[in-house]
Protein backbone atom coordinates (compact mmCIF):
# COMPACT_ATOMS: atom_id res chain seq x y z
CA MET A 1 77.54 51.98 -81.12
CA MET A 2 75.24 54.82 -82.24
CA LYS A 3 73.46 54.77 -78.87
CA ARG A 4 76.81 55.05 -77.13
CA ARG A 5 77.78 57.93 -79.40
CA SER A 6 74.55 59.78 -78.67
CA TRP A 7 75.12 59.32 -74.93
CA LEU A 8 78.63 60.69 -75.19
CA ALA A 9 77.47 63.57 -77.35
CA ALA A 10 74.91 64.42 -74.71
CA LEU A 11 77.53 64.37 -71.99
CA MET A 12 79.77 66.56 -74.08
CA MET A 13 77.03 69.08 -74.68
CA THR A 14 76.15 69.02 -71.00
CA ALA A 15 79.74 69.72 -70.06
CA ALA A 16 79.73 72.78 -72.25
CA SER A 17 76.47 74.28 -71.02
CA VAL A 18 76.74 77.77 -69.57
CA LEU A 19 74.94 78.73 -66.37
CA ALA A 20 76.99 81.78 -65.43
CA VAL A 21 76.03 85.40 -65.96
CA PRO A 22 76.94 86.69 -69.46
CA ALA A 23 79.70 89.03 -68.29
CA MET A 24 81.57 86.23 -66.56
CA ALA A 25 81.09 83.86 -69.50
CA GLN A 26 82.60 86.37 -71.89
CA ASP A 27 85.74 86.82 -69.80
CA GLU A 28 86.35 83.18 -68.93
CA ALA A 29 88.60 80.88 -70.96
CA PRO A 30 86.68 78.10 -72.75
CA ASP A 31 88.32 75.23 -70.87
CA ALA A 32 87.97 76.98 -67.50
CA LEU A 33 84.33 77.66 -68.28
CA VAL A 34 83.64 74.03 -69.09
CA LYS A 35 85.55 72.69 -66.09
CA ARG A 36 83.72 74.95 -63.66
CA LEU A 37 80.26 74.41 -65.04
CA SER A 38 80.26 70.75 -66.04
CA ALA A 39 80.17 69.63 -62.41
CA GLU A 40 77.15 71.85 -61.73
CA VAL A 41 75.20 70.57 -64.71
CA LEU A 42 76.03 66.91 -64.17
CA ASN A 43 75.09 67.26 -60.53
CA THR A 44 71.69 68.62 -61.56
CA ILE A 45 71.12 65.63 -63.82
CA LYS A 46 72.15 63.14 -61.16
CA THR A 47 70.13 64.69 -58.33
CA ASP A 48 66.95 65.67 -60.17
CA ALA A 49 64.43 63.01 -59.17
CA ALA A 50 62.23 63.62 -62.20
CA ILE A 51 65.12 63.19 -64.62
CA GLN A 52 66.32 60.06 -62.87
CA ALA A 53 62.77 58.70 -63.04
CA GLY A 54 62.82 59.17 -66.81
CA ASP A 55 60.63 62.27 -67.16
CA VAL A 56 61.48 63.00 -70.81
CA SER A 57 59.70 66.36 -70.91
CA ARG A 58 61.82 67.60 -68.00
CA ILE A 59 64.99 66.39 -69.67
CA VAL A 60 63.98 68.12 -72.91
CA ALA A 61 63.41 71.33 -70.97
CA LEU A 62 66.85 71.03 -69.33
CA VAL A 63 68.60 70.51 -72.66
CA ASP A 64 66.68 73.30 -74.37
CA SER A 65 67.22 75.86 -71.63
CA LYS A 66 70.72 75.07 -70.36
CA ILE A 67 72.60 73.51 -73.26
CA MET A 68 71.27 74.72 -76.59
CA PRO A 69 71.70 78.46 -75.86
CA ASN A 70 75.44 77.79 -75.84
CA VAL A 71 75.54 76.31 -79.32
CA ASN A 72 76.10 78.41 -82.45
CA PHE A 73 73.12 76.81 -84.09
CA GLY A 74 73.16 78.98 -87.19
CA ARG A 75 76.70 77.94 -88.02
CA MET A 76 76.11 74.30 -87.11
CA THR A 77 72.98 73.99 -89.26
CA ALA A 78 74.61 75.70 -92.23
CA SER A 79 77.58 73.35 -91.88
CA VAL A 80 75.52 70.15 -91.78
CA VAL A 81 73.44 71.21 -94.78
CA GLY A 82 76.65 72.09 -96.64
CA PRO A 83 76.69 73.84 -100.05
CA ASN A 84 72.93 73.36 -100.34
CA TRP A 85 72.45 75.87 -97.53
CA ARG A 86 73.12 78.76 -99.93
CA GLN A 87 70.44 77.45 -102.27
CA ALA A 88 67.79 77.34 -99.57
CA THR A 89 65.38 80.26 -99.19
CA PRO A 90 65.34 82.21 -95.90
CA GLU A 91 62.17 80.36 -94.91
CA GLN A 92 63.71 76.99 -95.70
CA GLN A 93 66.82 77.92 -93.71
CA LYS A 94 64.61 78.84 -90.75
CA GLN A 95 62.73 75.53 -90.97
CA LEU A 96 65.95 73.54 -91.28
CA GLN A 97 67.41 75.20 -88.21
CA GLU A 98 64.26 74.62 -86.16
CA GLU A 99 63.95 70.96 -87.14
CA PHE A 100 67.66 70.23 -86.67
CA LYS A 101 67.58 71.83 -83.23
CA THR A 102 64.57 69.74 -82.26
CA LEU A 103 66.35 66.62 -83.52
CA LEU A 104 69.41 67.28 -81.37
CA VAL A 105 67.43 68.33 -78.30
CA ARG A 106 65.50 65.06 -78.33
CA THR A 107 68.59 63.00 -79.10
CA TYR A 108 70.48 64.47 -76.15
CA ALA A 109 67.44 64.38 -73.87
CA GLY A 110 67.08 60.65 -74.35
CA ALA A 111 70.78 60.09 -73.74
CA LEU A 112 70.95 62.29 -70.63
CA SER A 113 68.55 60.01 -68.82
CA GLU A 114 71.34 57.40 -68.83
CA VAL A 115 73.85 59.58 -66.95
CA LYS A 116 74.68 57.96 -63.61
CA ASN A 117 78.15 58.17 -62.06
CA GLN A 118 80.22 59.22 -65.06
CA THR A 119 82.74 62.04 -64.73
CA LEU A 120 84.74 64.24 -67.09
CA SER A 121 88.50 64.72 -67.17
CA PHE A 122 89.97 67.57 -69.20
CA ARG A 123 93.22 67.69 -71.13
CA PRO A 124 95.46 70.78 -71.07
CA MET A 125 94.47 73.47 -73.56
CA ARG A 126 96.79 74.07 -76.47
CA SER A 127 95.86 77.56 -77.56
CA ALA A 128 96.90 81.19 -77.27
CA PRO A 129 94.94 83.75 -75.24
CA THR A 130 94.13 85.57 -78.49
CA ASP A 131 92.62 82.52 -80.21
CA THR A 132 88.95 82.77 -81.10
CA ASP A 133 88.53 79.20 -82.34
CA VAL A 134 89.67 76.31 -80.15
CA VAL A 135 89.26 72.60 -79.51
CA VAL A 136 88.58 71.58 -75.91
CA ARG A 137 89.55 67.98 -75.28
CA SER A 138 88.16 65.82 -72.52
CA GLU A 139 87.53 62.23 -71.51
CA VAL A 140 84.49 60.58 -70.04
CA ARG A 141 85.24 58.15 -67.24
CA GLY A 142 83.12 55.69 -65.38
CA MET A 143 82.13 53.29 -68.16
CA GLY A 144 85.23 51.20 -68.79
CA ASP A 145 88.26 52.63 -70.52
CA PRO A 146 88.38 56.46 -70.69
CA ILE A 147 86.87 57.71 -73.94
CA GLN A 148 88.22 60.85 -75.57
CA LEU A 149 85.73 63.45 -76.72
CA ASP A 150 86.38 66.86 -78.19
CA TYR A 151 84.35 69.86 -79.13
CA ARG A 152 85.08 72.87 -81.26
CA MET A 153 84.24 76.25 -79.80
CA GLU A 154 84.36 79.78 -81.14
CA LYS A 155 84.43 83.08 -79.32
CA THR A 156 81.43 85.28 -80.09
CA PRO A 157 80.31 88.65 -78.71
CA SER A 158 78.10 86.76 -76.24
CA GLY A 159 80.78 84.31 -75.13
CA TRP A 160 82.15 80.93 -76.23
CA LYS A 161 79.84 78.75 -78.33
CA ILE A 162 80.02 75.14 -79.49
CA TYR A 163 79.75 74.50 -83.21
CA ASP A 164 80.91 70.90 -83.62
CA LEU A 165 81.39 67.77 -81.52
CA ASN A 166 83.69 64.78 -81.82
CA VAL A 167 82.45 61.56 -80.26
CA LEU A 168 84.58 58.41 -80.59
CA GLY A 169 86.50 60.02 -83.43
CA VAL A 170 83.39 61.03 -85.39
CA TRP A 171 82.57 64.71 -85.87
CA LEU A 172 78.85 65.45 -85.57
CA VAL A 173 78.73 67.98 -88.43
CA GLN A 174 80.33 65.61 -90.94
CA THR A 175 78.05 62.74 -89.89
CA TYR A 176 74.86 64.73 -90.39
CA ARG A 177 76.19 66.40 -93.54
CA THR A 178 76.50 63.01 -95.22
CA GLN A 179 72.99 62.01 -94.18
CA PHE A 180 71.45 65.32 -95.21
CA ALA A 181 73.25 65.39 -98.57
CA GLN A 182 71.72 62.03 -99.46
CA GLU A 183 68.24 63.25 -98.54
CA ILE A 184 68.63 66.49 -100.50
CA SER A 185 70.00 64.61 -103.51
CA SER A 186 66.89 62.44 -103.72
CA LYS A 187 64.15 64.75 -102.46
CA GLY A 188 65.50 68.31 -102.37
CA ILE A 189 65.56 70.83 -99.50
CA ASP A 190 61.84 70.50 -98.84
CA GLY A 191 62.24 66.74 -98.74
CA LEU A 192 64.91 67.05 -96.05
CA ILE A 193 62.71 69.38 -94.02
CA ALA A 194 59.80 66.96 -94.29
CA ALA A 195 61.99 64.01 -93.30
CA LEU A 196 63.32 65.85 -90.24
CA ALA A 197 59.82 66.94 -89.24
CA GLN A 198 58.54 63.36 -89.47
CA ARG A 199 61.50 62.04 -87.50
CA ASN A 200 60.94 64.63 -84.78
CA LYS A 201 57.21 63.88 -84.67
CA SER A 202 57.91 60.19 -84.23
CA ALA A 203 60.42 60.90 -81.45
CA ALA A 204 58.24 63.39 -79.58
CA PRO A 205 58.00 62.54 -75.86
CA ALA A 206 54.68 61.19 -74.69
CA ALA A 207 52.66 63.32 -72.30
CA PRO A 208 53.08 62.24 -68.66
CA LYS A 209 50.29 60.05 -67.33
CA ALA A 210 47.96 61.51 -64.76
CA SER A 211 48.50 60.18 -61.28
């Protein structure tokens, strides 16, 4: 189940990646932006021979360059750490954000390698033109029954950004907040940072073999 959730989260993040010029991204509605760009990004994944061959480093680069710039990572990290975020020093906050980003990049990179013929279908937006915080709802199709997935987006000076994801009814921020709270309770902020660093080190992609 967790592997399926990570795959869907990856697809969701991919659908929300922004490849347009900043001016266009700022003017475009969040659902229109996602609809227009998701096809481009998914097509890249499906047609890139290196990605299809399982080149993890290339997938990591794709996620880091095309997807993560469109996430409000400061807000997301603060949310998953919860009330303990205010107790962390600026240096600890920086380390937490870096390690959490690395965790998500590698999680999504591994899942993206499984994308084959899946497609996305979007539900009508229920928001006003003046809204600055919306939920974009979509479904992934091509792997049995359609599966609903949602993501929360906020309008920023540089365009719409993702700050939370819902996969199979589970919001990403709440899931990680529970895990992180347990780690902080037993080992403190530094303990959480160390645990994330070790997890990321263990999940680091191996260097490609020389041909």
